[in-house]
Amino acid sequence: APMVDIPAFLILDTDDGLRRLGNNKELYQMILREYMIEFQDLEEEMSQAVDKRNYQEAVQIVHKNKGGSGNIGAKKLSATAAELQKALAEGDEEKIGTLKRVFLDQTAILMNEIKEYTEQPRE
């Protein structure tokens, strides 16, 4: 069967993620599955922290995600996380509201992309 080209994802840059791991696809898929488990409660944790105006906790959540997202090649999400982290540190409520929505939307898209990528049959 001809090689099917995987469509480019919106958030997950698989080329970048694979490059970071010496193009080891099995290792990459394993790390992606770990990412999904690690951040499965992100939306709930984030929303609770922001609703309570516990911005210090929110900064820690976002900071951790920023690193994890960068490692797997989710550069767009990592960039959003950096902006949100800054807004939280400054207590800028208007920016926090907007960026939190973008952050969580991008996270939801990413989770679906990871699911799609990790469920591919092994070559």
N, C-alpha and C. Protein backbone atom coordinates (compact mmCIF):
# COMPACT_ATOMS: atom_id res chain seq x y z
N ALA A 1 0.85 -1.20 0.00
CA ALA A 1 0.00 0.00 0.00
C ALA A 1 0.89 1.25 0.00
N PRO A 2 0.47 2.29 -0.72
CA PRO A 2 1.29 3.51 -0.76
C PRO A 2 1.30 4.18 0.60
N MET A 3 2.37 4.87 0.92
CA MET A 3 2.47 5.60 2.18
C MET A 3 1.48 6.76 2.17
N VAL A 4 0.66 6.81 3.17
CA VAL A 4 -0.30 7.91 3.25
C VAL A 4 0.34 9.02 4.08
N ASP A 5 0.30 10.23 3.54
CA ASP A 5 0.87 11.34 4.27
C ASP A 5 -0.10 11.77 5.36
N ILE A 6 0.41 11.89 6.57
CA ILE A 6 -0.43 12.31 7.69
C ILE A 6 -0.72 13.79 7.53
N PRO A 7 -2.01 14.17 7.61
CA PRO A 7 -2.33 15.60 7.47
C PRO A 7 -1.67 16.40 8.58
N ALA A 8 -1.28 17.60 8.23
CA ALA A 8 -0.65 18.47 9.22
C ALA A 8 -1.71 18.86 10.26
N PHE A 9 -1.33 18.85 11.50
CA PHE A 9 -2.24 19.22 12.57
C PHE A 9 -2.16 20.72 12.82
N LEU A 10 -3.19 21.22 13.50
CA LEU A 10 -3.28 22.64 13.81
C LEU A 10 -2.31 23.04 14.94
N ILE A 11 -2.26 22.23 15.98
CA ILE A 11 -1.45 22.56 17.15
C ILE A 11 -0.19 21.70 17.26
N LEU A 12 -0.34 20.42 17.00
CA LEU A 12 0.78 19.49 17.17
C LEU A 12 1.66 19.45 15.93
N ASP A 13 2.90 19.93 16.09
CA ASP A 13 3.88 19.87 15.00
C ASP A 13 4.67 18.58 15.19
N THR A 14 4.22 17.52 14.53
CA THR A 14 4.83 16.20 14.74
C THR A 14 6.27 16.16 14.21
N ASP A 15 6.56 16.93 13.16
CA ASP A 15 7.93 16.97 12.64
C ASP A 15 8.88 17.51 13.71
N ASP A 16 8.45 18.58 14.37
CA ASP A 16 9.26 19.18 15.42
C ASP A 16 9.40 18.22 16.60
N GLY A 17 8.30 17.62 16.99
CA GLY A 17 8.31 16.68 18.11
C GLY A 17 9.21 15.48 17.85
N LEU A 18 9.12 14.95 16.63
CA LEU A 18 9.95 13.79 16.26
C LEU A 18 11.42 14.16 16.19
N ARG A 19 11.70 15.35 15.65
CA ARG A 19 13.08 15.81 15.52
C ARG A 19 13.76 15.88 16.89
N ARG A 20 13.00 16.30 17.89
CA ARG A 20 13.53 16.40 19.25
C ARG A 20 13.92 15.03 19.82
N LEU A 21 13.35 13.98 19.25
CA LEU A 21 13.59 12.62 19.75
C LEU A 21 14.34 11.76 18.74
N GLY A 22 15.09 12.40 17.87
CA GLY A 22 15.86 11.66 16.88
C GLY A 22 14.99 10.81 15.98
N ASN A 23 13.79 11.31 15.68
CA ASN A 23 12.82 10.63 14.80
C ASN A 23 12.42 9.24 15.27
N ASN A 24 12.41 9.05 16.59
CA ASN A 24 11.96 7.77 17.15
C ASN A 24 10.45 7.86 17.38
N LYS A 25 9.69 7.30 16.42
CA LYS A 25 8.24 7.46 16.45
C LYS A 25 7.59 6.74 17.64
N GLU A 26 8.12 5.57 17.99
CA GLU A 26 7.53 4.84 19.12
C GLU A 26 7.70 5.61 20.42
N LEU A 27 8.89 6.16 20.60
CA LEU A 27 9.17 6.96 21.80
C LEU A 27 8.27 8.20 21.83
N TYR A 28 8.13 8.82 20.65
CA TYR A 28 7.28 10.02 20.54
C TYR A 28 5.84 9.70 20.92
N GLN A 29 5.32 8.60 20.41
CA GLN A 29 3.95 8.22 20.73
C GLN A 29 3.79 7.93 22.23
N MET A 30 4.81 7.34 22.82
CA MET A 30 4.77 7.07 24.25
C MET A 30 4.72 8.37 25.05
N ILE A 31 5.56 9.32 24.66
CA ILE A 31 5.60 10.62 25.35
C ILE A 31 4.28 11.37 25.16
N LEU A 32 3.69 11.24 23.99
CA LEU A 32 2.40 11.89 23.75
C LEU A 32 1.31 11.29 24.63
N ARG A 33 1.34 9.97 24.79
CA ARG A 33 0.33 9.33 25.67
C ARG A 33 0.52 9.79 27.11
N GLU A 34 1.77 9.92 27.53
CA GLU A 34 2.06 10.40 28.89
C GLU A 34 1.57 11.84 29.07
N TYR A 35 1.74 12.64 28.03
CA TYR A 35 1.28 14.04 28.06
C TYR A 35 -0.24 14.08 28.28
N MET A 36 -0.96 13.23 27.56
CA MET A 36 -2.42 13.19 27.68
C MET A 36 -2.85 12.86 29.10
N ILE A 37 -2.15 11.89 29.70
CA ILE A 37 -2.50 11.50 31.07
C ILE A 37 -2.16 12.63 32.04
N GLU A 38 -0.98 13.21 31.86
CA GLU A 38 -0.52 14.26 32.77
C GLU A 38 -1.45 15.47 32.78
N PHE A 39 -1.98 15.81 31.62
CA PHE A 39 -2.79 17.04 31.52
C PHE A 39 -4.28 16.78 31.30
N GLN A 40 -4.75 15.58 31.68
CA GLN A 40 -6.17 15.26 31.41
C GLN A 40 -7.13 16.14 32.23
N ASP A 41 -6.69 16.63 33.40
CA ASP A 41 -7.56 17.46 34.24
C ASP A 41 -7.23 18.94 34.14
N LEU A 42 -6.47 19.29 33.12
CA LEU A 42 -5.99 20.67 32.98
C LEU A 42 -7.12 21.69 32.98
N GLU A 43 -8.17 21.43 32.20
CA GLU A 43 -9.26 22.40 32.08
C GLU A 43 -9.92 22.66 33.43
N GLU A 44 -10.20 21.58 34.16
CA GLU A 44 -10.84 21.69 35.46
C GLU A 44 -9.95 22.44 36.45
N GLU A 45 -8.68 22.03 36.52
CA GLU A 45 -7.74 22.65 37.46
C GLU A 45 -7.55 24.14 37.16
N MET A 46 -7.42 24.42 35.87
CA MET A 46 -7.19 25.79 35.43
C MET A 46 -8.40 26.67 35.73
N SER A 47 -9.58 26.17 35.38
CA SER A 47 -10.81 26.95 35.60
C SER A 47 -11.03 27.21 37.08
N GLN A 48 -10.79 26.21 37.91
CA GLN A 48 -10.97 26.39 39.35
C GLN A 48 -10.01 27.44 39.90
N ALA A 49 -8.76 27.36 39.50
CA ALA A 49 -7.76 28.30 40.00
C ALA A 49 -8.10 29.74 39.58
N VAL A 50 -8.50 29.90 38.32
CA VAL A 50 -8.80 31.25 37.81
C VAL A 50 -10.09 31.79 38.44
N ASP A 51 -11.09 30.92 38.57
CA ASP A 51 -12.36 31.36 39.18
C ASP A 51 -12.16 31.85 40.61
N LYS A 52 -11.25 31.18 41.32
CA LYS A 52 -10.96 31.57 42.70
C LYS A 52 -9.94 32.70 42.76
N ARG A 53 -9.52 33.18 41.59
CA ARG A 53 -8.46 34.20 41.48
C ARG A 53 -7.17 33.75 42.17
N ASN A 54 -6.95 32.45 42.18
CA ASN A 54 -5.71 31.91 42.73
C ASN A 54 -4.69 31.88 41.59
N TYR A 55 -4.18 33.06 41.27
CA TYR A 55 -3.34 33.20 40.08
C TYR A 55 -1.97 32.55 40.25
N GLN A 56 -1.52 32.45 41.49
CA GLN A 56 -0.23 31.79 41.73
C GLN A 56 -0.30 30.32 41.33
N GLU A 57 -1.38 29.68 41.74
CA GLU A 57 -1.57 28.27 41.37
C GLU A 57 -1.73 28.14 39.86
N ALA A 58 -2.49 29.05 39.28
CA ALA A 58 -2.72 29.03 37.83
C ALA A 58 -1.40 29.19 37.07
N VAL A 59 -0.52 30.05 37.55
CA VAL A 59 0.79 30.25 36.93
C VAL A 59 1.57 28.94 36.91
N GLN A 60 1.52 28.21 38.02
CA GLN A 60 2.25 26.94 38.10
C GLN A 60 1.69 25.92 37.11
N ILE A 61 0.37 25.86 37.01
CA ILE A 61 -0.29 24.92 36.09
C ILE A 61 0.14 25.24 34.65
N VAL A 62 0.06 26.53 34.31
CA VAL A 62 0.37 26.97 32.95
C VAL A 62 1.86 26.78 32.63
N HIS A 63 2.70 27.07 33.61
CA HIS A 63 4.14 26.94 33.41
C HIS A 63 4.52 25.48 33.10
N LYS A 64 3.94 24.57 33.85
CA LYS A 64 4.20 23.15 33.66
C LYS A 64 3.73 22.71 32.27
N ASN A 65 2.58 23.20 31.87
CA ASN A 65 2.05 22.84 30.55
C ASN A 65 2.90 23.44 29.44
N LYS A 66 3.39 24.65 29.65
CA LYS A 66 4.21 25.32 28.64
C LYS A 66 5.43 24.46 28.30
N GLY A 67 6.09 23.94 29.33
CA GLY A 67 7.25 23.07 29.12
C GLY A 67 6.88 21.78 28.42
N GLY A 68 5.84 21.14 28.89
CA GLY A 68 5.40 19.87 28.30
C GLY A 68 4.98 20.03 26.85
N SER A 69 4.29 21.12 26.57
CA SER A 69 3.81 21.37 25.20
C SER A 69 4.98 21.65 24.26
N GLY A 70 5.95 22.39 24.75
CA GLY A 70 7.14 22.67 23.95
C GLY A 70 7.88 21.39 23.60
N ASN A 71 7.96 20.49 24.56
CA ASN A 71 8.69 19.23 24.36
C ASN A 71 8.08 18.33 23.29
N ILE A 72 6.77 18.37 23.14
CA ILE A 72 6.12 17.48 22.16
C ILE A 72 5.93 18.15 20.80
N GLY A 73 6.30 19.43 20.69
CA GLY A 73 6.15 20.12 19.41
C GLY A 73 4.85 20.89 19.27
N ALA A 74 4.17 21.14 20.40
CA ALA A 74 2.93 21.94 20.36
C ALA A 74 3.31 23.40 20.62
N LYS A 75 3.99 23.98 19.61
CA LYS A 75 4.59 25.31 19.79
C LYS A 75 3.55 26.41 19.96
N LYS A 76 2.42 26.28 19.24
CA LYS A 76 1.36 27.29 19.34
C LYS A 76 0.81 27.35 20.76
N LEU A 77 0.57 26.17 21.32
CA LEU A 77 0.03 26.10 22.69
C LEU A 77 1.06 26.61 23.68
N SER A 78 2.31 26.27 23.47
CA SER A 78 3.39 26.71 24.34
C SER A 78 3.48 28.25 24.34
N ALA A 79 3.29 28.85 23.18
CA ALA A 79 3.32 30.31 23.05
C ALA A 79 2.13 30.95 23.77
N THR A 80 0.96 30.34 23.62
CA THR A 80 -0.24 30.83 24.32
C THR A 80 -0.04 30.73 25.82
N ALA A 81 0.54 29.60 26.27
CA ALA A 81 0.80 29.39 27.69
C ALA A 81 1.72 30.48 28.24
N ALA A 82 2.73 30.85 27.46
CA ALA A 82 3.67 31.90 27.89
C ALA A 82 2.95 33.24 28.07
N GLU A 83 2.05 33.56 27.14
CA GLU A 83 1.28 34.80 27.23
C GLU A 83 0.35 34.79 28.43
N LEU A 84 -0.31 33.64 28.62
CA LEU A 84 -1.24 33.50 29.75
C LEU A 84 -0.49 33.59 31.08
N GLN A 85 0.66 32.98 31.12
CA GLN A 85 1.47 33.02 32.34
C GLN A 85 1.81 34.46 32.72
N LYS A 86 2.15 35.26 31.72
CA LYS A 86 2.49 36.67 31.93
C LYS A 86 1.26 37.44 32.43
N ALA A 87 0.11 37.20 31.80
CA ALA A 87 -1.13 37.88 32.21
C ALA A 87 -1.51 37.51 33.65
N LEU A 88 -1.33 36.24 33.99
CA LEU A 88 -1.63 35.79 35.36
C LEU A 88 -0.69 36.43 36.37
N ALA A 89 0.60 36.50 36.01
CA ALA A 89 1.60 37.09 36.90
C ALA A 89 1.29 38.57 37.14
N GLU A 90 0.72 39.22 36.12
CA GLU A 90 0.39 40.65 36.23
C GLU A 90 -1.01 40.88 36.79
N GLY A 91 -1.79 39.80 36.93
CA GLY A 91 -3.16 39.92 37.43
C GLY A 91 -4.08 40.68 36.50
N ASP A 92 -3.80 40.62 35.21
CA ASP A 92 -4.59 41.34 34.19
C ASP A 92 -5.84 40.51 33.84
N GLU A 93 -6.95 40.82 34.53
CA GLU A 93 -8.14 39.96 34.44
C GLU A 93 -8.73 39.86 33.04
N GLU A 94 -8.71 40.96 32.32
CA GLU A 94 -9.28 40.95 30.98
C GLU A 94 -8.49 40.00 30.07
N LYS A 95 -7.16 40.15 30.11
CA LYS A 95 -6.29 39.29 29.31
C LYS A 95 -6.39 37.83 29.77
N ILE A 96 -6.46 37.65 31.08
CA ILE A 96 -6.55 36.29 31.63
C ILE A 96 -7.77 35.58 31.06
N GLY A 97 -8.90 36.26 31.07
CA GLY A 97 -10.15 35.67 30.56
C GLY A 97 -10.04 35.24 29.11
N THR A 98 -9.52 36.13 28.29
CA THR A 98 -9.37 35.85 26.86
C THR A 98 -8.38 34.73 26.61
N LEU A 99 -7.21 34.86 27.22
CA LEU A 99 -6.14 33.89 26.97
C LEU A 99 -6.46 32.52 27.55
N LYS A 100 -7.19 32.49 28.66
CA LYS A 100 -7.57 31.20 29.25
C LYS A 100 -8.44 30.42 28.26
N ARG A 101 -9.36 31.13 27.61
CA ARG A 101 -10.23 30.46 26.61
C ARG A 101 -9.41 29.91 25.46
N VAL A 102 -8.50 30.73 24.94
CA VAL A 102 -7.64 30.29 23.83
C VAL A 102 -6.80 29.09 24.26
N PHE A 103 -6.22 29.20 25.45
CA PHE A 103 -5.37 28.14 26.01
C PHE A 103 -6.14 26.82 26.10
N LEU A 104 -7.35 26.88 26.64
CA LEU A 104 -8.13 25.65 26.82
C LEU A 104 -8.66 25.11 25.49
N ASP A 105 -9.01 26.02 24.57
CA ASP A 105 -9.44 25.58 23.23
C ASP A 105 -8.30 24.85 22.52
N GLN A 106 -7.12 25.44 22.57
CA GLN A 106 -5.96 24.84 21.91
C GLN A 106 -5.60 23.50 22.56
N THR A 107 -5.74 23.43 23.88
CA THR A 107 -5.46 22.18 24.59
C THR A 107 -6.42 21.08 24.13
N ALA A 108 -7.71 21.43 23.99
CA ALA A 108 -8.71 20.45 23.56
C ALA A 108 -8.39 19.95 22.15
N ILE A 109 -8.01 20.86 21.26
CA ILE A 109 -7.64 20.48 19.89
C ILE A 109 -6.43 19.56 19.93
N LEU A 110 -5.43 19.96 20.72
CA LEU A 110 -4.20 19.17 20.83
C LEU A 110 -4.49 17.75 21.31
N MET A 111 -5.33 17.62 22.32
CA MET A 111 -5.65 16.29 22.86
C MET A 111 -6.25 15.40 21.76
N ASN A 112 -7.11 15.97 20.94
CA ASN A 112 -7.69 15.20 19.83
C ASN A 112 -6.63 14.82 18.80
N GLU A 113 -5.72 15.74 18.54
CA GLU A 113 -4.65 15.46 17.58
C GLU A 113 -3.73 14.37 18.10
N ILE A 114 -3.43 14.41 19.39
CA ILE A 114 -2.58 13.37 19.99
C ILE A 114 -3.28 12.02 19.88
N LYS A 115 -4.58 12.01 20.17
CA LYS A 115 -5.35 10.77 20.09
C LYS A 115 -5.26 10.19 18.68
N GLU A 116 -5.47 11.06 17.72
CA GLU A 116 -5.44 10.63 16.32
C GLU A 116 -4.05 10.09 15.95
N TYR A 117 -3.02 10.79 16.37
CA TYR A 117 -1.65 10.40 16.01
C TYR A 117 -1.22 9.12 16.72
N THR A 118 -1.58 8.96 17.98
CA THR A 118 -1.12 7.79 18.73
C THR A 118 -1.93 6.55 18.40
N GLU A 119 -3.10 6.73 17.81
CA GLU A 119 -3.92 5.56 17.48
C GLU A 119 -3.63 5.02 16.08
N GLN A 120 -2.66 5.62 15.41
CA GLN A 120 -2.28 5.10 14.08
C GLN A 120 -1.71 3.70 14.23
N PRO A 121 -2.01 2.84 13.27
CA PRO A 121 -1.40 1.51 13.32
C PRO A 121 0.11 1.63 13.23
N ARG A 122 0.79 0.75 13.94
CA ARG A 122 2.26 0.76 13.90
C ARG A 122 2.73 0.29 12.52
N GLU A 123 3.82 0.92 12.09
CA GLU A 123 4.34 0.59 10.75
C GLU A 123 5.14 -0.70 10.80
